[in-house]
PDB file of all heavy atoms in Angstrom:
ATOM      1  N   SER A   1       0.831  -1.192   0.001  1.00  0.00           N
ATOM      2  CA  SER A   1      -0.007   0.004   0.005  1.00  0.00           C
ATOM      3  C   SER A   1       0.857   1.239   0.000  1.00  0.00           C
ATOM      4  O   SER A   1       2.026   1.198   0.338  1.00  0.00           O
ATOM      5  CB  SER A   1      -0.916  -0.017   1.238  1.00  0.00           C
ATOM      6  OG  SER A   1      -0.123  -0.068   2.425  1.00  0.00           O
ATOM      7  N   GLY A   2       0.250   2.363  -0.404  1.00  0.00           N
ATOM      8  CA  GLY A   2       0.965   3.618  -0.392  1.00  0.00           C
ATOM      9  C   GLY A   2       1.462   3.981  -1.777  1.00  0.00           C
ATOM     10  O   GLY A   2       1.327   3.253  -2.761  1.00  0.00           O
ATOM     11  N   GLU A   3       2.055   5.155  -1.880  1.00  0.00           N
ATOM     12  CA  GLU A   3       2.527   5.643  -3.157  1.00  0.00           C
ATOM     13  C   GLU A   3       3.805   4.937  -3.581  1.00  0.00           C
ATOM     14  O   GLU A   3       4.503   4.319  -2.785  1.00  0.00           O
ATOM     15  CB  GLU A   3       2.768   7.160  -3.055  1.00  0.00           C
ATOM     16  CG  GLU A   3       3.783   7.534  -1.974  1.00  0.00           C
ATOM     17  CD  GLU A   3       3.979   9.032  -1.902  1.00  0.00           C
ATOM     18  OE1 GLU A   3       4.001   9.669  -2.975  1.00  0.00           O
ATOM     19  OE2 GLU A   3       4.096   9.547  -0.782  1.00  0.00           O
ATOM     20  N   VAL A   4       4.091   5.061  -4.887  1.00  0.00           N
ATOM     21  CA  VAL A   4       5.245   4.382  -5.463  1.00  0.00           C
ATOM     22  C   VAL A   4       6.504   5.110  -5.046  1.00  0.00           C
ATOM     23  O   VAL A   4       6.617   6.345  -5.214  1.00  0.00           O
ATOM     24  CB  VAL A   4       5.126   4.312  -6.990  1.00  0.00           C
ATOM     25  CG1 VAL A   4       6.376   3.716  -7.589  1.00  0.00           C
ATOM     26  CG2 VAL A   4       3.896   3.501  -7.389  1.00  0.00           C
ATOM     27  N   ALA A   5       7.480   4.350  -4.501  1.00  0.00           N
ATOM     28  CA  ALA A   5       8.756   4.941  -4.129  1.00  0.00           C
ATOM     29  C   ALA A   5       9.706   4.983  -5.309  1.00  0.00           C
ATOM     30  O   ALA A   5      10.392   5.983  -5.537  1.00  0.00           O
ATOM     31  CB  ALA A   5       9.396   4.144  -2.971  1.00  0.00           C
ATOM     32  N   HIS A   6       9.762   3.901  -6.069  1.00  0.00           N
ATOM     33  CA  HIS A   6      10.621   3.836  -7.241  1.00  0.00           C
ATOM     34  C   HIS A   6      10.226   2.630  -8.059  1.00  0.00           C
ATOM     35  O   HIS A   6       9.381   1.825  -7.650  1.00  0.00           O
ATOM     36  CB  HIS A   6      12.106   3.770  -6.854  1.00  0.00           C
ATOM     37  CG  HIS A   6      12.443   2.570  -6.015  1.00  0.00           C
ATOM     38  ND1 HIS A   6      12.494   2.608  -4.645  1.00  0.00           N
ATOM     39  CD2 HIS A   6      12.731   1.272  -6.350  1.00  0.00           C
ATOM     40  CE1 HIS A   6      12.791   1.424  -4.173  1.00  0.00           C
ATOM     41  NE2 HIS A   6      12.940   0.584  -5.176  1.00  0.00           N
ATOM     42  N   TYR A   7      10.835   2.482  -9.221  1.00  0.00           N
ATOM     43  CA  TYR A   7      10.636   1.322 -10.084  1.00  0.00           C
ATOM     44  C   TYR A   7      11.943   0.558 -10.159  1.00  0.00           C
ATOM     45  O   TYR A   7      13.028   1.168 -10.232  1.00  0.00           O
ATOM     46  CB  TYR A   7      10.193   1.760 -11.476  1.00  0.00           C
ATOM     47  CG  TYR A   7       8.782   2.296 -11.548  1.00  0.00           C
ATOM     48  CD1 TYR A   7       8.493   3.591 -11.119  1.00  0.00           C
ATOM     49  CD2 TYR A   7       7.735   1.512 -11.998  1.00  0.00           C
ATOM     50  CE1 TYR A   7       7.195   4.083 -11.155  1.00  0.00           C
ATOM     51  CE2 TYR A   7       6.437   2.003 -12.036  1.00  0.00           C
ATOM     52  CZ  TYR A   7       6.178   3.278 -11.617  1.00  0.00           C
ATOM     53  OH  TYR A   7       4.906   3.761 -11.647  1.00  0.00           O
ATOM     54  N   THR A   8      11.837  -0.754 -10.147  1.00  0.00           N
ATOM     55  CA  THR A   8      13.049  -1.578 -10.159  1.00  0.00           C
ATOM     56  C   THR A   8      12.852  -2.775 -11.065  1.00  0.00           C
ATOM     57  O   THR A   8      11.726  -3.100 -11.464  1.00  0.00           O
ATOM     58  CB  THR A   8      13.413  -2.045  -8.732  1.00  0.00           C
ATOM     59  OG1 THR A   8      14.671  -2.732  -8.769  1.00  0.00           O
ATOM     60  CG2 THR A   8      12.355  -3.006  -8.190  1.00  0.00           C
ATOM     61  N   CYS A   9      13.940  -3.458 -11.360  1.00  0.00           N
ATOM     62  CA  CYS A   9      13.924  -4.659 -12.193  1.00  0.00           C
ATOM     63  C   CYS A   9      13.930  -5.896 -11.299  1.00  0.00           C
ATOM     64  O   CYS A   9      14.782  -6.005 -10.422  1.00  0.00           O
ATOM     65  CB  CYS A   9      15.136  -4.683 -13.127  1.00  0.00           C
ATOM     66  SG  CYS A   9      15.257  -6.194 -14.114  1.00  0.00           S
ATOM     67  N   PRO A  10      13.003  -6.829 -11.497  1.00  0.00           N
ATOM     68  CA  PRO A  10      12.990  -8.043 -10.670  1.00  0.00           C
ATOM     69  C   PRO A  10      14.276  -8.844 -10.794  1.00  0.00           C
ATOM     70  O   PRO A  10      14.655  -9.536  -9.861  1.00  0.00           O
ATOM     71  CB  PRO A  10      11.791  -8.822 -11.191  1.00  0.00           C
ATOM     72  CG  PRO A  10      10.922  -7.819 -11.854  1.00  0.00           C
ATOM     73  CD  PRO A  10      11.848  -6.801 -12.423  1.00  0.00           C
ATOM     74  N   MET A  11      14.940  -8.774 -11.948  1.00  0.00           N
ATOM     75  CA  MET A  11      16.174  -9.524 -12.154  1.00  0.00           C
ATOM     76  C   MET A  11      17.420  -8.765 -11.706  1.00  0.00           C
ATOM     77  O   MET A  11      18.434  -9.350 -11.405  1.00  0.00           O
ATOM     78  CB  MET A  11      16.317  -9.888 -13.633  1.00  0.00           C
ATOM     79  CG  MET A  11      15.317 -10.921 -14.115  1.00  0.00           C
ATOM     80  SD  MET A  11      15.534 -12.506 -13.302  1.00  0.00           S
ATOM     81  CE  MET A  11      17.124 -12.988 -13.921  1.00  0.00           C
ATOM     82  N   HIS A  12      17.324  -7.446 -11.637  1.00  0.00           N
ATOM     83  CA  HIS A  12      18.473  -6.611 -11.256  1.00  0.00           C
ATOM     84  C   HIS A  12      17.987  -5.577 -10.252  1.00  0.00           C
ATOM     85  O   HIS A  12      17.675  -4.423 -10.644  1.00  0.00           O
ATOM     86  CB  HIS A  12      19.112  -5.947 -12.480  1.00  0.00           C
ATOM     87  CG  HIS A  12      19.539  -6.923 -13.517  1.00  0.00           C
ATOM     88  ND1 HIS A  12      18.733  -7.344 -14.564  1.00  0.00           N
ATOM     89  CD2 HIS A  12      20.726  -7.612 -13.663  1.00  0.00           C
ATOM     90  CE1 HIS A  12      19.389  -8.210 -15.298  1.00  0.00           C
ATOM     91  NE2 HIS A  12      20.583  -8.395 -14.787  1.00  0.00           N
ATOM     92  N   PRO A  13      17.875  -5.914  -8.976  1.00  0.00           N
ATOM     93  CA  PRO A  13      17.333  -5.003  -7.974  1.00  0.00           C
ATOM     94  C   PRO A  13      18.139  -3.715  -7.820  1.00  0.00           C
ATOM     95  O   PRO A  13      17.627  -2.744  -7.271  1.00  0.00           O
ATOM     96  CB  PRO A  13      17.382  -5.835  -6.680  1.00  0.00           C
ATOM     97  CG  PRO A  13      17.438  -7.252  -7.123  1.00  0.00           C
ATOM     98  CD  PRO A  13      18.188  -7.240  -8.413  1.00  0.00           C
ATOM     99  N   ALA A  14      19.397  -3.705  -8.270  1.00  0.00           N
ATOM    100  CA  ALA A  14      20.190  -2.492  -8.158  1.00  0.00           C
ATOM    101  C   ALA A  14      19.676  -1.388  -9.080  1.00  0.00           C
ATOM    102  O   ALA A  14      19.962  -0.210  -8.863  1.00  0.00           O
ATOM    103  CB  ALA A  14      21.658  -2.798  -8.463  1.00  0.00           C
ATOM    104  N   VAL A  15      18.935  -1.760 -10.106  1.00  0.00           N
ATOM    105  CA  VAL A  15      18.390  -0.776 -11.039  1.00  0.00           C
ATOM    106  C   VAL A  15      17.156  -0.133 -10.404  1.00  0.00           C
ATOM    107  O   VAL A  15      16.179  -0.825 -10.105  1.00  0.00           O
ATOM    108  CB  VAL A  15      18.028  -1.425 -12.388  1.00  0.00           C
ATOM    109  CG1 VAL A  15      17.378  -0.409 -13.304  1.00  0.00           C
ATOM    110  CG2 VAL A  15      19.283  -2.006 -13.028  1.00  0.00           C
ATOM    111  N   LYS A  16      17.184   1.177 -10.200  1.00  0.00           N
ATOM    112  CA  LYS A  16      16.062   1.904  -9.623  1.00  0.00           C
ATOM    113  C   LYS A  16      15.859   3.198 -10.394  1.00  0.00           C
ATOM    114  O   LYS A  16      16.821   3.926 -10.644  1.00  0.00           O
ATOM    115  CB  LYS A  16      16.306   2.196  -8.142  1.00  0.00           C
ATOM    116  CG  LYS A  16      16.397   0.951  -7.267  1.00  0.00           C
ATOM    117  CD  LYS A  16      16.613   1.277  -5.812  1.00  0.00           C
ATOM    118  CE  LYS A  16      16.731   0.020  -4.972  1.00  0.00           C
ATOM    119  NZ  LYS A  16      16.944   0.314  -3.538  1.00  0.00           N
ATOM    120  N   GLN A  17      14.607   3.462 -10.776  1.00  0.00           N
ATOM    121  CA  GLN A  17      14.256   4.667 -11.503  1.00  0.00           C
ATOM    122  C   GLN A  17      13.027   5.315 -10.873  1.00  0.00           C
ATOM    123  O   GLN A  17      12.230   4.635 -10.209  1.00  0.00           O
ATOM    124  CB  GLN A  17      13.956   4.355 -12.974  1.00  0.00           C
ATOM    125  CG  GLN A  17      15.175   3.883 -13.752  1.00  0.00           C
ATOM    126  CD  GLN A  17      14.857   3.606 -15.196  1.00  0.00           C
ATOM    127  OE1 GLN A  17      15.707   3.135 -15.954  1.00  0.00           O
ATOM    128  NE2 GLN A  17      13.639   3.901 -15.610  1.00  0.00           N
ATOM    129  N   ALA A  18      12.877   6.609 -11.118  1.00  0.00           N
ATOM    130  CA  ALA A  18      11.752   7.329 -10.544  1.00  0.00           C
ATOM    131  C   ALA A  18      10.457   7.003 -11.264  1.00  0.00           C
ATOM    132  O   ALA A  18       9.368   7.092 -10.663  1.00  0.00           O
ATOM    133  CB  ALA A  18      12.008   8.841 -10.612  1.00  0.00           C
ATOM    134  N   GLY A  19      10.528   6.609 -12.542  1.00  0.00           N
ATOM    135  CA  GLY A  19       9.320   6.324 -13.298  1.00  0.00           C
ATOM    136  C   GLY A  19       9.395   5.000 -13.988  1.00  0.00           C
ATOM    137  O   GLY A  19      10.419   4.315 -13.977  1.00  0.00           O
ATOM    138  N   PRO A  20       8.282   4.584 -14.642  1.00  0.00           N
ATOM    139  CA  PRO A  20       8.276   3.299 -15.356  1.00  0.00           C
ATOM    140  C   PRO A  20       9.198   3.333 -16.562  1.00  0.00           C
ATOM    141  O   PRO A  20       9.589   4.369 -17.058  1.00  0.00           O
ATOM    142  CB  PRO A  20       6.806   3.137 -15.743  1.00  0.00           C
ATOM    143  CG  PRO A  20       6.256   4.514 -15.791  1.00  0.00           C
ATOM    144  CD  PRO A  20       6.989   5.293 -14.739  1.00  0.00           C
ATOM    145  N   GLY A  21       9.532   2.136 -17.032  1.00  0.00           N
ATOM    146  CA  GLY A  21      10.425   2.004 -18.174  1.00  0.00           C
ATOM    147  C   GLY A  21      10.916   0.581 -18.287  1.00  0.00           C
ATOM    148  O   GLY A  21      10.291  -0.352 -17.771  1.00  0.00           O
ATOM    149  N   GLN A  22      12.043   0.412 -18.962  1.00  0.00           N
ATOM    150  CA  GLN A  22      12.626  -0.904 -19.132  1.00  0.00           C
ATOM    151  C   GLN A  22      14.026  -0.942 -18.518  1.00  0.00           C
ATOM    152  O   GLN A  22      14.720   0.076 -18.439  1.00  0.00           O
ATOM    153  CB  GLN A  22      12.723  -1.261 -20.631  1.00  0.00           C
ATOM    154  CG  GLN A  22      11.370  -1.495 -21.276  1.00  0.00           C
ATOM    155  CD  GLN A  22      11.491  -1.952 -22.710  1.00  0.00           C
ATOM    156  OE1 GLN A  22      12.460  -1.603 -23.404  1.00  0.00           O
ATOM    157  NE2 GLN A  22      10.526  -2.735 -23.164  1.00  0.00           N
ATOM    158  N   CYS A  23      14.405  -2.144 -18.080  1.00  0.00           N
ATOM    159  CA  CYS A  23      15.713  -2.317 -17.445  1.00  0.00           C
ATOM    160  C   CYS A  23      16.802  -2.105 -18.476  1.00  0.00           C
ATOM    161  O   CYS A  23      16.776  -2.712 -19.558  1.00  0.00           O
ATOM    162  CB  CYS A  23      15.799  -3.717 -16.838  1.00  0.00           C
ATOM    163  SG  CYS A  23      17.401  -4.108 -16.126  1.00  0.00           S
ATOM    164  N   PRO A  24      17.792  -1.276 -18.167  1.00  0.00           N
ATOM    165  CA  PRO A  24      18.874  -1.055 -19.138  1.00  0.00           C
ATOM    166  C   PRO A  24      19.790  -2.268 -19.292  1.00  0.00           C
ATOM    167  O   PRO A  24      20.585  -2.311 -20.234  1.00  0.00           O
ATOM    168  CB  PRO A  24      19.650   0.131 -18.549  1.00  0.00           C
ATOM    169  CG  PRO A  24      19.338   0.078 -17.072  1.00  0.00           C
ATOM    170  CD  PRO A  24      17.959  -0.455 -16.963  1.00  0.00           C
ATOM    171  N   ILE A  25      19.669  -3.253 -18.413  1.00  0.00           N
ATOM    172  CA  ILE A  25      20.547  -4.431 -18.476  1.00  0.00           C
ATOM    173  C   ILE A  25      19.899  -5.537 -19.289  1.00  0.00           C
ATOM    174  O   ILE A  25      20.493  -6.094 -20.214  1.00  0.00           O
ATOM    175  CB  ILE A  25      20.878  -4.921 -17.059  1.00  0.00           C
ATOM    176  CG1 ILE A  25      21.603  -3.803 -16.283  1.00  0.00           C
ATOM    177  CG2 ILE A  25      21.751  -6.175 -17.125  1.00  0.00           C
ATOM    178  CD1 ILE A  25      21.881  -4.185 -14.823  1.00  0.00           C
ATOM    179  N   CYS A  26      18.631  -5.874 -18.945  1.00  0.00           N
ATOM    180  CA  CYS A  26      17.971  -7.014 -19.598  1.00  0.00           C
ATOM    181  C   CYS A  26      16.786  -6.622 -20.455  1.00  0.00           C
ATOM    182  O   CYS A  26      16.256  -7.449 -21.192  1.00  0.00           O
ATOM    183  CB  CYS A  26      17.540  -8.043 -18.562  1.00  0.00           C
ATOM    184  SG  CYS A  26      16.276  -7.437 -17.425  1.00  0.00           S
ATOM    185  N   GLY A  27      16.324  -5.373 -20.350  1.00  0.00           N
ATOM    186  CA  GLY A  27      15.202  -4.936 -21.167  1.00  0.00           C
ATOM    187  C   GLY A  27      13.846  -5.283 -20.608  1.00  0.00           C
ATOM    188  O   GLY A  27      12.824  -5.007 -21.249  1.00  0.00           O
ATOM    189  N   MET A  28      13.765  -5.864 -19.417  1.00  0.00           N
ATOM    190  CA  MET A  28      12.476  -6.208 -18.821  1.00  0.00           C
ATOM    191  C   MET A  28      11.768  -4.950 -18.350  1.00  0.00           C
ATOM    192  O   MET A  28      12.409  -3.927 -18.028  1.00  0.00           O
ATOM    193  CB  MET A  28      12.669  -7.157 -17.657  1.00  0.00           C
ATOM    194  CG  MET A  28      13.103  -8.554 -18.046  1.00  0.00           C
ATOM    195  SD  MET A  28      13.400  -9.575 -16.572  1.00  0.00           S
ATOM    196  CE  MET A  28      11.826  -9.415 -15.753  1.00  0.00           C
ATOM    197  N   ASP A  29      10.431  -5.017 -18.273  1.00  0.00           N
ATOM    198  CA  ASP A  29       9.655  -3.907 -17.735  1.00  0.00           C
ATOM    199  C   ASP A  29       9.948  -3.755 -16.249  1.00  0.00           C
ATOM    200  O   ASP A  29       9.970  -4.735 -15.491  1.00  0.00           O
ATOM    201  CB  ASP A  29       8.165  -4.140 -17.950  1.00  0.00           C
ATOM    202  CG  ASP A  29       7.794  -4.056 -19.435  1.00  0.00           C
ATOM    203  OD1 ASP A  29       8.497  -3.338 -20.171  1.00  0.00           O
ATOM    204  OD2 ASP A  29       6.814  -4.705 -19.842  1.00  0.00           O
ATOM    205  N   LEU A  30      10.135  -2.507 -15.809  1.00  0.00           N
ATOM    206  CA  LEU A  30      10.378  -2.248 -14.404  1.00  0.00           C
ATOM    207  C   LEU A  30       9.074  -2.350 -13.620  1.00  0.00           C
ATOM    208  O   LEU A  30       7.985  -2.033 -14.128  1.00  0.00           O
ATOM    209  CB  LEU A  30      10.978  -0.856 -14.231  1.00  0.00           C
ATOM    210  CG  LEU A  30      12.321  -0.584 -14.929  1.00  0.00           C
ATOM    211  CD1 LEU A  30      12.794   0.820 -14.643  1.00  0.00           C
ATOM    212  CD2 LEU A  30      13.360  -1.607 -14.501  1.00  0.00           C
ATOM    213  N   THR A  31       9.174  -2.840 -12.397  1.00  0.00           N
ATOM    214  CA  THR A  31       7.997  -3.000 -11.536  1.00  0.00           C
ATOM    215  C   THR A  31       8.036  -1.939 -10.440  1.00  0.00           C
ATOM    216  O   THR A  31       9.107  -1.610  -9.907  1.00  0.00           O
ATOM    217  CB  THR A  31       7.978  -4.391 -10.903  1.00  0.00           C
ATOM    218  OG1 THR A  31       9.183  -4.582 -10.160  1.00  0.00           O
ATOM    219  CG2 THR A  31       7.859  -5.458 -11.959  1.00  0.00           C
ATOM    220  N   PRO A  32       6.885  -1.405 -10.055  1.00  0.00           N
ATOM    221  CA  PRO A  32       6.853  -0.374  -9.008  1.00  0.00           C
ATOM    222  C   PRO A  32       7.010  -0.981  -7.624  1.00  0.00           C
ATOM    223  O   PRO A  32       6.586  -2.103  -7.348  1.00  0.00           O
ATOM    224  CB  PRO A  32       5.472   0.247  -9.176  1.00  0.00           C
ATOM    225  CG  PRO A  32       4.636  -0.839  -9.764  1.00  0.00           C
ATOM    226  CD  PRO A  32       5.544  -1.651 -10.654  1.00  0.00           C
ATOM    227  N   VAL A  33       7.622  -0.194  -6.749  1.00  0.00           N
ATOM    228  CA  VAL A  33       7.808  -0.580  -5.346  1.00  0.00           C
ATOM    229  C   VAL A  33       7.239   0.530  -4.492  1.00  0.00           C
ATOM    230  O   VAL A  33       7.590   1.708  -4.665  1.00  0.00           O
ATOM    231  CB  VAL A  33       9.293  -0.802  -5.012  1.00  0.00           C
ATOM    232  CG1 VAL A  33       9.459  -1.193  -3.561  1.00  0.00           C
ATOM    233  CG2 VAL A  33       9.885  -1.889  -5.909  1.00  0.00           C
ATOM    234  N   SER A  34       6.353   0.187  -3.582  1.00  0.00           N
ATOM    235  CA  SER A  34       5.703   1.198  -2.751  1.00  0.00           C
ATOM    236  C   SER A  34       6.635   1.617  -1.619  1.00  0.00           C
ATOM    237  O   SER A  34       7.587   0.911  -1.258  1.00  0.00           O
ATOM    238  CB  SER A  34       4.403   0.657  -2.170  1.00  0.00           C
ATOM    239  OG  SER A  34       4.674  -0.375  -1.231  1.00  0.00           O
ATOM    240  N   ARG A  35       6.322   2.765  -1.025  1.00  0.00           N
ATOM    241  CA  ARG A  35       7.132   3.254   0.098  1.00  0.00           C
ATOM    242  C   ARG A  35       6.973   2.349   1.325  1.00  0.00           C
ATOM    243  O   ARG A  35       7.903   2.177   2.111  1.00  0.00           O
ATOM    244  CB  ARG A  35       6.710   4.682   0.445  1.00  0.00           C
ATOM    245  CG  ARG A  35       7.046   5.675  -0.648  1.00  0.00           C
ATOM    246  CD  ARG A  35       6.907   7.109  -0.168  1.00  0.00           C
ATOM    247  NE  ARG A  35       7.187   8.035  -1.261  1.00  0.00           N
ATOM    248  CZ  ARG A  35       8.385   8.416  -1.646  1.00  0.00           C
ATOM    249  NH1 ARG A  35       9.446   7.922  -1.024  1.00  0.00           N
ATOM    250  NH2 ARG A  35       8.549   9.253  -2.648  1.00  0.00           N
ATOM    251  N   ALA A  36       5.791   1.731   1.440  1.00  0.00           N
ATOM    252  CA  ALA A  36       5.601   0.819   2.568  1.00  0.00           C
ATOM    253  C   ALA A  36       6.520  -0.383   2.462  1.00  0.00           C
ATOM    254  O   ALA A  36       7.088  -0.843   3.471  1.00  0.00           O
ATOM    255  CB  ALA A  36       4.137   0.358   2.624  1.00  0.00           C
ATOM    256  N   ASP A  37       6.721  -0.883   1.237  1.00  0.00           N
ATOM    257  CA  ASP A  37       7.638  -2.011   1.050  1.00  0.00           C
ATOM    258  C   ASP A  37       9.069  -1.590   1.330  1.00  0.00           C
ATOM    259  O   ASP A  37       9.853  -2.348   1.892  1.00  0.00           O
ATOM    260  CB  ASP A  37       7.522  -2.548  -0.383  1.00  0.00           C
ATOM    261  CG  ASP A  37       6.272  -3.387  -0.579  1.00  0.00           C
ATOM    262  OD1 ASP A  37       5.628  -3.686   0.434  1.00  0.00           O
ATOM    263  OD2 ASP A  37       5.943  -3.735  -1.733  1.00  0.00           O
ATOM    264  N   VAL A  38       9.442  -0.386   0.932  1.00  0.00           N
ATOM    265  CA  VAL A  38      10.805   0.086   1.177  1.00  0.00           C
ATOM    266  C   VAL A  38      11.060   0.208   2.670  1.00  0.00           C
ATOM    267  O   VAL A  38      12.113  -0.214   3.185  1.00  0.00           O
ATOM    268  CB  VAL A  38      11.028   1.435   0.479  1.00  0.00           C
ATOM    269  CG1 VAL A  38      12.380   2.015   0.867  1.00  0.00           C
ATOM    270  CG2 VAL A  38      10.941   1.272  -1.020  1.00  0.00           C
ATOM    271  N   GLU A  39      10.085   0.756   3.398  1.00  0.00           N
ATOM    272  CA  GLU A  39      10.285   0.942   4.834  1.00  0.00           C
ATOM    273  C   GLU A  39      10.335  -0.391   5.588  1.00  0.00           C
ATOM    274  O   GLU A  39      11.001  -0.519   6.590  1.00  0.00           O
ATOM    275  CB  GLU A  39       9.161   1.816   5.395  1.00  0.00           C
ATOM    276  CG  GLU A  39       9.223   3.246   4.876  1.00  0.00           C
ATOM    277  CD  GLU A  39       8.006   4.050   5.301  1.00  0.00           C
ATOM    278  OE1 GLU A  39       7.121   3.453   5.968  1.00  0.00           O
ATOM    279  OE2 GLU A  39       7.935   5.253   4.963  1.00  0.00           O
ATOM    280  N   SER A  40       9.596  -1.388   5.101  1.00  0.00           N
ATOM    281  CA  SER A  40       9.596  -2.695   5.770  1.00  0.00           C
ATOM    282  C   SER A  40      10.703  -3.614   5.277  1.00  0.00           C
ATOM    283  O   SER A  40      10.879  -4.714   5.804  1.00  0.00           O
ATOM    284  CB  SER A  40       8.244  -3.390   5.573  1.00  0.00           C
ATOM    285  OG  SER A  40       8.024  -3.639   4.188  1.00  0.00           O
ATOM    286  N   GLY A  41      11.469  -3.171   4.264  1.00  0.00           N
ATOM    287  CA  GLY A  41      12.564  -4.008   3.760  1.00  0.00           C
ATOM    288  C   GLY A  41      12.141  -5.060   2.782  1.00  0.00           C
ATOM    289  O   GLY A  41      12.912  -5.958   2.480  1.00  0.00           O
ATOM    290  N   VAL A  42      10.899  -5.036   2.277  1.00  0.00           N
ATOM    291  CA  VAL A  42      10.415  -6.047   1.339  1.00  0.00           C
ATOM    292  C   VAL A  42      11.191  -5.939   0.033  1.00  0.00           C
ATOM    293  O   VAL A  42      11.430  -4.848  -0.481  1.00  0.00           O
ATOM    294  CB  VAL A  42       8.901  -5.867   1.075  1.00  0.00           C
ATOM    295  CG1 VAL A  42       8.447  -6.779  -0.056  1.00  0.00           C
ATOM    296  CG2 VAL A  42       8.127  -6.176   2.343  1.00  0.00           C
ATOM    297  N   ILE A  43      11.596  -7.094  -0.501  1.00  0.00           N
ATOM    298  CA  ILE A  43      12.257  -7.147  -1.788  1.00  0.00           C
ATOM    299  C   ILE A  43      11.471  -8.106  -2.678  1.00  0.00           C
ATOM    300  O   ILE A  43      10.685  -8.917  -2.180  1.00  0.00           O
ATOM    301  CB  ILE A  43      13.730  -7.612  -1.685  1.00  0.00           C
ATOM    302  CG1 ILE A  43      13.795  -9.033  -1.128  1.00  0.00           C
ATOM    303  CG2 ILE A  43      14.562  -6.656  -0.865  1.00  0.00           C
ATOM    304  CD1 ILE A  43      15.173  -9.644  -1.222  1.00  0.00           C
TER     305      ILE A  43
END
């Protein structure tokens, strides 16, 4: 729940962007991560 904190790649968690797009490494669609997940440490 909550607003989107950033977008990341499921295969490359180090990739983080402010908006949607594709992973520069593998080309997969980035998935959104909520601020609640960031605060709780969910990966």
